[in-house]
Amino acid sequence: MMQLLYGIVLLTVMGFVAGVGLGIAAKKFEVKEDPRVAEIAKVLPGANCGLCGYPGCEAYAKAIVYKGEAMGKCVPGKKMGVEAKIREIMAKGGPTS
């Protein structure tokens, strides 16, 4: 009976230590993303149609911010004025600007 209790306590302590270690590692190695990506993704229609050449609106937003992709490639968003909204967001500048 005592061995079972020691095993349970040992596994609990090991799980707690591993959890704390993973939490610290997650904070230390966190990848920061440019906030403009989320803003542009909100402006895009969310159709994920691929007409821009990217697999979805999120990928297109990342390409605009990080690769300097053309801002007028969103076919479903042309009538909604998406390109002008994206230009406005990009004009604000990013965290490294």
N, C-alpha and C. Protein backbone atom coordinates (compact mmCIF):
# COMPACT_ATOMS: atom_id res chain seq x y z
N MET A 1 0.83 -1.20 0.00
CA MET A 1 0.00 0.00 0.00
C MET A 1 0.87 1.26 0.00
N MET A 2 1.97 1.23 0.77
CA MET A 2 2.84 2.39 0.87
C MET A 2 3.55 2.65 -0.46
N GLN A 3 3.91 1.56 -1.18
CA GLN A 3 4.57 1.71 -2.47
C GLN A 3 3.65 2.39 -3.47
N LEU A 4 2.39 2.06 -3.44
CA LEU A 4 1.41 2.69 -4.32
C LEU A 4 1.32 4.18 -4.03
N LEU A 5 1.29 4.54 -2.77
CA LEU A 5 1.23 5.95 -2.38
C LEU A 5 2.48 6.70 -2.83
N TYR A 6 3.66 6.10 -2.65
CA TYR A 6 4.91 6.72 -3.10
C TYR A 6 4.91 6.92 -4.63
N GLY A 7 4.40 5.93 -5.33
CA GLY A 7 4.32 6.03 -6.79
C GLY A 7 3.43 7.16 -7.24
N ILE A 8 2.27 7.28 -6.59
CA ILE A 8 1.33 8.36 -6.92
C ILE A 8 1.94 9.72 -6.62
N VAL A 9 2.57 9.86 -5.45
CA VAL A 9 3.20 11.13 -5.08
C VAL A 9 4.33 11.47 -6.06
N LEU A 10 5.15 10.48 -6.40
CA LEU A 10 6.27 10.71 -7.31
C LEU A 10 5.78 11.15 -8.68
N LEU A 11 4.77 10.48 -9.22
CA LEU A 11 4.24 10.86 -10.52
C LEU A 11 3.59 12.24 -10.49
N THR A 12 2.94 12.57 -9.39
CA THR A 12 2.33 13.89 -9.26
C THR A 12 3.39 14.98 -9.26
N VAL A 13 4.45 14.78 -8.48
CA VAL A 13 5.53 15.76 -8.41
C VAL A 13 6.21 15.89 -9.76
N MET A 14 6.48 14.76 -10.42
CA MET A 14 7.12 14.81 -11.74
C MET A 14 6.25 15.54 -12.76
N GLY A 15 4.96 15.30 -12.73
CA GLY A 15 4.03 15.99 -13.63
C GLY A 15 4.01 17.48 -13.38
N PHE A 16 4.02 17.86 -12.11
CA PHE A 16 4.02 19.28 -11.76
C PHE A 16 5.30 19.97 -12.24
N VAL A 17 6.43 19.33 -11.99
CA VAL A 17 7.72 19.89 -12.41
C VAL A 17 7.78 20.01 -13.94
N ALA A 18 7.33 18.97 -14.63
CA ALA A 18 7.33 19.02 -16.10
C ALA A 18 6.40 20.12 -16.60
N GLY A 19 5.25 20.29 -15.98
CA GLY A 19 4.31 21.34 -16.37
C GLY A 19 4.89 22.73 -16.18
N VAL A 20 5.55 22.94 -15.04
CA VAL A 20 6.17 24.24 -14.79
C VAL A 20 7.30 24.49 -15.80
N GLY A 21 8.09 23.46 -16.07
CA GLY A 21 9.18 23.59 -17.03
C GLY A 21 8.67 23.92 -18.43
N LEU A 22 7.60 23.26 -18.86
CA LEU A 22 7.02 23.54 -20.17
C LEU A 22 6.42 24.94 -20.23
N GLY A 23 5.82 25.38 -19.13
CA GLY A 23 5.26 26.74 -19.08
C GLY A 23 6.35 27.79 -19.22
N ILE A 24 7.45 27.59 -18.54
CA ILE A 24 8.57 28.53 -18.62
C ILE A 24 9.16 28.52 -20.03
N ALA A 25 9.34 27.34 -20.60
CA ALA A 25 9.90 27.24 -21.95
C ALA A 25 8.98 27.90 -22.98
N ALA A 26 7.67 27.75 -22.81
CA ALA A 26 6.73 28.36 -23.74
C ALA A 26 6.83 29.88 -23.72
N LYS A 27 6.99 30.45 -22.54
CA LYS A 27 7.14 31.91 -22.44
C LYS A 27 8.48 32.37 -22.99
N LYS A 28 9.55 31.63 -22.69
CA LYS A 28 10.89 32.03 -23.13
C LYS A 28 11.03 31.97 -24.64
N PHE A 29 10.45 30.96 -25.28
CA PHE A 29 10.61 30.76 -26.72
C PHE A 29 9.38 31.17 -27.52
N GLU A 30 8.54 32.01 -26.94
CA GLU A 30 7.33 32.46 -27.60
C GLU A 30 7.68 33.26 -28.86
N VAL A 31 6.95 33.00 -29.93
CA VAL A 31 7.17 33.70 -31.19
C VAL A 31 6.16 34.85 -31.25
N LYS A 32 6.68 36.06 -31.36
CA LYS A 32 5.82 37.24 -31.44
C LYS A 32 5.39 37.43 -32.90
N GLU A 33 4.11 37.70 -33.09
CA GLU A 33 3.60 37.96 -34.44
C GLU A 33 3.22 39.42 -34.56
N ASP A 34 3.48 39.96 -35.73
CA ASP A 34 3.14 41.35 -36.01
C ASP A 34 1.62 41.52 -35.87
N PRO A 35 1.16 42.50 -35.09
CA PRO A 35 -0.29 42.67 -34.89
C PRO A 35 -1.04 43.05 -36.17
N ARG A 36 -0.32 43.52 -37.17
CA ARG A 36 -0.98 43.88 -38.43
C ARG A 36 -1.54 42.65 -39.14
N VAL A 37 -0.95 41.48 -38.90
CA VAL A 37 -1.45 40.25 -39.52
C VAL A 37 -2.89 40.00 -39.08
N ALA A 38 -3.14 40.11 -37.79
CA ALA A 38 -4.50 39.89 -37.27
C ALA A 38 -5.47 40.96 -37.77
N GLU A 39 -5.00 42.21 -37.85
CA GLU A 39 -5.86 43.30 -38.35
C GLU A 39 -6.24 43.06 -39.80
N ILE A 40 -5.26 42.68 -40.62
CA ILE A 40 -5.54 42.43 -42.04
C ILE A 40 -6.44 41.22 -42.20
N ALA A 41 -6.22 40.18 -41.41
CA ALA A 41 -7.06 38.99 -41.49
C ALA A 41 -8.52 39.33 -41.15
N LYS A 42 -8.73 40.27 -40.24
CA LYS A 42 -10.10 40.69 -39.90
C LYS A 42 -10.76 41.43 -41.05
N VAL A 43 -9.96 42.20 -41.80
CA VAL A 43 -10.48 43.00 -42.91
C VAL A 43 -10.83 42.11 -44.11
N LEU A 44 -10.04 41.05 -44.31
CA LEU A 44 -10.30 40.14 -45.43
C LEU A 44 -11.64 39.43 -45.23
N PRO A 45 -12.30 39.05 -46.33
CA PRO A 45 -13.65 38.48 -46.22
C PRO A 45 -13.74 37.12 -45.53
N GLY A 46 -12.64 36.41 -45.40
CA GLY A 46 -12.68 35.12 -44.72
C GLY A 46 -13.21 33.99 -45.59
N ALA A 47 -13.19 34.19 -46.89
CA ALA A 47 -13.70 33.17 -47.81
C ALA A 47 -12.74 31.99 -47.95
N ASN A 48 -11.45 32.23 -47.69
CA ASN A 48 -10.42 31.19 -47.83
C ASN A 48 -10.52 30.50 -49.18
N CYS A 49 -10.75 31.30 -50.23
CA CYS A 49 -10.99 30.76 -51.57
C CYS A 49 -9.71 30.39 -52.31
N GLY A 50 -8.60 31.02 -51.98
CA GLY A 50 -7.34 30.73 -52.64
C GLY A 50 -7.12 31.49 -53.93
N LEU A 51 -8.03 32.39 -54.31
CA LEU A 51 -7.87 33.13 -55.55
C LEU A 51 -6.67 34.09 -55.52
N CYS A 52 -6.20 34.41 -54.34
CA CYS A 52 -5.03 35.29 -54.20
C CYS A 52 -3.73 34.52 -54.39
N GLY A 53 -3.82 33.20 -54.41
CA GLY A 53 -2.63 32.37 -54.56
C GLY A 53 -2.15 31.79 -53.24
N TYR A 54 -2.87 32.04 -52.18
CA TYR A 54 -2.50 31.53 -50.85
C TYR A 54 -3.62 30.63 -50.35
N PRO A 55 -3.31 29.67 -49.46
CA PRO A 55 -4.31 28.69 -49.04
C PRO A 55 -5.43 29.24 -48.17
N GLY A 56 -5.33 30.47 -47.73
CA GLY A 56 -6.40 31.06 -46.92
C GLY A 56 -6.11 32.51 -46.63
N CYS A 57 -7.07 33.17 -46.03
CA CYS A 57 -6.94 34.60 -45.75
C CYS A 57 -5.81 34.89 -44.76
N GLU A 58 -5.62 34.03 -43.78
CA GLU A 58 -4.55 34.21 -42.80
C GLU A 58 -3.18 34.14 -43.47
N ALA A 59 -3.01 33.19 -44.38
CA ALA A 59 -1.73 33.05 -45.10
C ALA A 59 -1.49 34.26 -45.99
N TYR A 60 -2.54 34.77 -46.61
CA TYR A 60 -2.40 35.97 -47.45
C TYR A 60 -2.03 37.17 -46.60
N ALA A 61 -2.64 37.31 -45.43
CA ALA A 61 -2.31 38.42 -44.53
C ALA A 61 -0.85 38.35 -44.10
N LYS A 62 -0.36 37.16 -43.78
CA LYS A 62 1.05 37.00 -43.41
C LYS A 62 1.97 37.35 -44.58
N ALA A 63 1.58 36.97 -45.79
CA ALA A 63 2.39 37.28 -46.97
C ALA A 63 2.46 38.79 -47.21
N ILE A 64 1.37 39.48 -46.97
CA ILE A 64 1.37 40.93 -47.14
C ILE A 64 2.33 41.58 -46.15
N VAL A 65 2.25 41.18 -44.90
CA VAL A 65 3.06 41.80 -43.84
C VAL A 65 4.52 41.40 -43.94
N TYR A 66 4.80 40.12 -44.08
CA TYR A 66 6.17 39.63 -43.99
C TYR A 66 6.91 39.57 -45.33
N LYS A 67 6.19 39.37 -46.43
CA LYS A 67 6.84 39.22 -47.73
C LYS A 67 6.61 40.40 -48.66
N GLY A 68 5.76 41.34 -48.25
CA GLY A 68 5.48 42.50 -49.10
C GLY A 68 4.62 42.16 -50.31
N GLU A 69 3.77 41.15 -50.17
CA GLU A 69 2.88 40.73 -51.26
C GLU A 69 1.95 41.87 -51.65
N ALA A 70 1.49 41.85 -52.90
CA ALA A 70 0.56 42.87 -53.40
C ALA A 70 -0.72 42.87 -52.57
N MET A 71 -1.26 44.05 -52.33
CA MET A 71 -2.42 44.17 -51.44
C MET A 71 -3.75 44.03 -52.15
N GLY A 72 -3.77 43.98 -53.46
CA GLY A 72 -5.03 43.93 -54.20
C GLY A 72 -5.36 42.59 -54.80
N LYS A 73 -4.85 41.51 -54.26
CA LYS A 73 -5.07 40.18 -54.82
C LYS A 73 -6.35 39.51 -54.33
N CYS A 74 -7.03 40.09 -53.36
CA CYS A 74 -8.24 39.46 -52.81
C CYS A 74 -9.42 39.76 -53.73
N VAL A 75 -9.82 38.76 -54.53
CA VAL A 75 -10.90 38.94 -55.49
C VAL A 75 -12.25 39.17 -54.80
N PRO A 76 -12.64 38.34 -53.80
CA PRO A 76 -13.93 38.58 -53.15
C PRO A 76 -13.99 39.92 -52.39
N GLY A 77 -12.84 40.45 -52.00
CA GLY A 77 -12.82 41.68 -51.22
C GLY A 77 -12.75 42.96 -52.04
N LYS A 78 -12.64 42.84 -53.37
CA LYS A 78 -12.51 44.03 -54.22
C LYS A 78 -13.70 44.98 -54.07
N LYS A 79 -14.90 44.43 -54.08
CA LYS A 79 -16.11 45.27 -53.98
C LYS A 79 -16.27 45.88 -52.59
N MET A 80 -15.65 45.25 -51.58
CA MET A 80 -15.78 45.74 -50.20
C MET A 80 -14.70 46.75 -49.84
N GLY A 81 -13.80 47.05 -50.77
CA GLY A 81 -12.74 48.02 -50.50
C GLY A 81 -11.65 47.49 -49.59
N VAL A 82 -11.38 46.21 -49.66
CA VAL A 82 -10.40 45.57 -48.80
C VAL A 82 -9.00 46.14 -49.04
N GLU A 83 -8.66 46.38 -50.30
CA GLU A 83 -7.31 46.86 -50.61
C GLU A 83 -7.02 48.18 -49.91
N ALA A 84 -7.96 49.10 -49.93
CA ALA A 84 -7.76 50.40 -49.27
C ALA A 84 -7.60 50.23 -47.76
N LYS A 85 -8.37 49.32 -47.18
CA LYS A 85 -8.27 49.08 -45.74
C LYS A 85 -6.91 48.47 -45.39
N ILE A 86 -6.42 47.56 -46.23
CA ILE A 86 -5.12 46.95 -46.00
C ILE A 86 -4.02 47.99 -46.11
N ARG A 87 -4.12 48.87 -47.11
CA ARG A 87 -3.12 49.94 -47.26
C ARG A 87 -3.10 50.84 -46.03
N GLU A 88 -4.25 51.10 -45.48
CA GLU A 88 -4.36 51.93 -44.27
C GLU A 88 -3.66 51.25 -43.09
N ILE A 89 -3.89 49.96 -42.94
CA ILE A 89 -3.27 49.20 -41.84
C ILE A 89 -1.75 49.16 -42.03
N MET A 90 -1.29 48.91 -43.24
CA MET A 90 0.14 48.83 -43.50
C MET A 90 0.82 50.19 -43.35
N ALA A 91 0.09 51.27 -43.59
CA ALA A 91 0.66 52.61 -43.46
C ALA A 91 0.97 52.96 -42.00
N LYS A 92 0.25 52.32 -41.08
CA LYS A 92 0.50 52.57 -39.65
C LYS A 92 1.90 52.11 -39.24
N GLY A 93 2.40 51.11 -39.93
CA GLY A 93 3.72 50.58 -39.57
C GLY A 93 3.61 49.49 -38.52
N GLY A 94 4.64 48.68 -38.45
CA GLY A 94 4.64 47.57 -37.52
C GLY A 94 5.50 47.83 -36.32
N PRO A 95 5.69 46.82 -35.48
CA PRO A 95 6.47 46.98 -34.26
C PRO A 95 7.94 47.27 -34.51
N THR A 96 8.46 46.91 -35.69
CA THR A 96 9.87 47.17 -35.98
C THR A 96 10.05 48.44 -36.80
N SER A 97 8.95 49.11 -37.14
CA SER A 97 9.04 50.33 -37.95
C SER A 97 9.50 51.50 -37.14
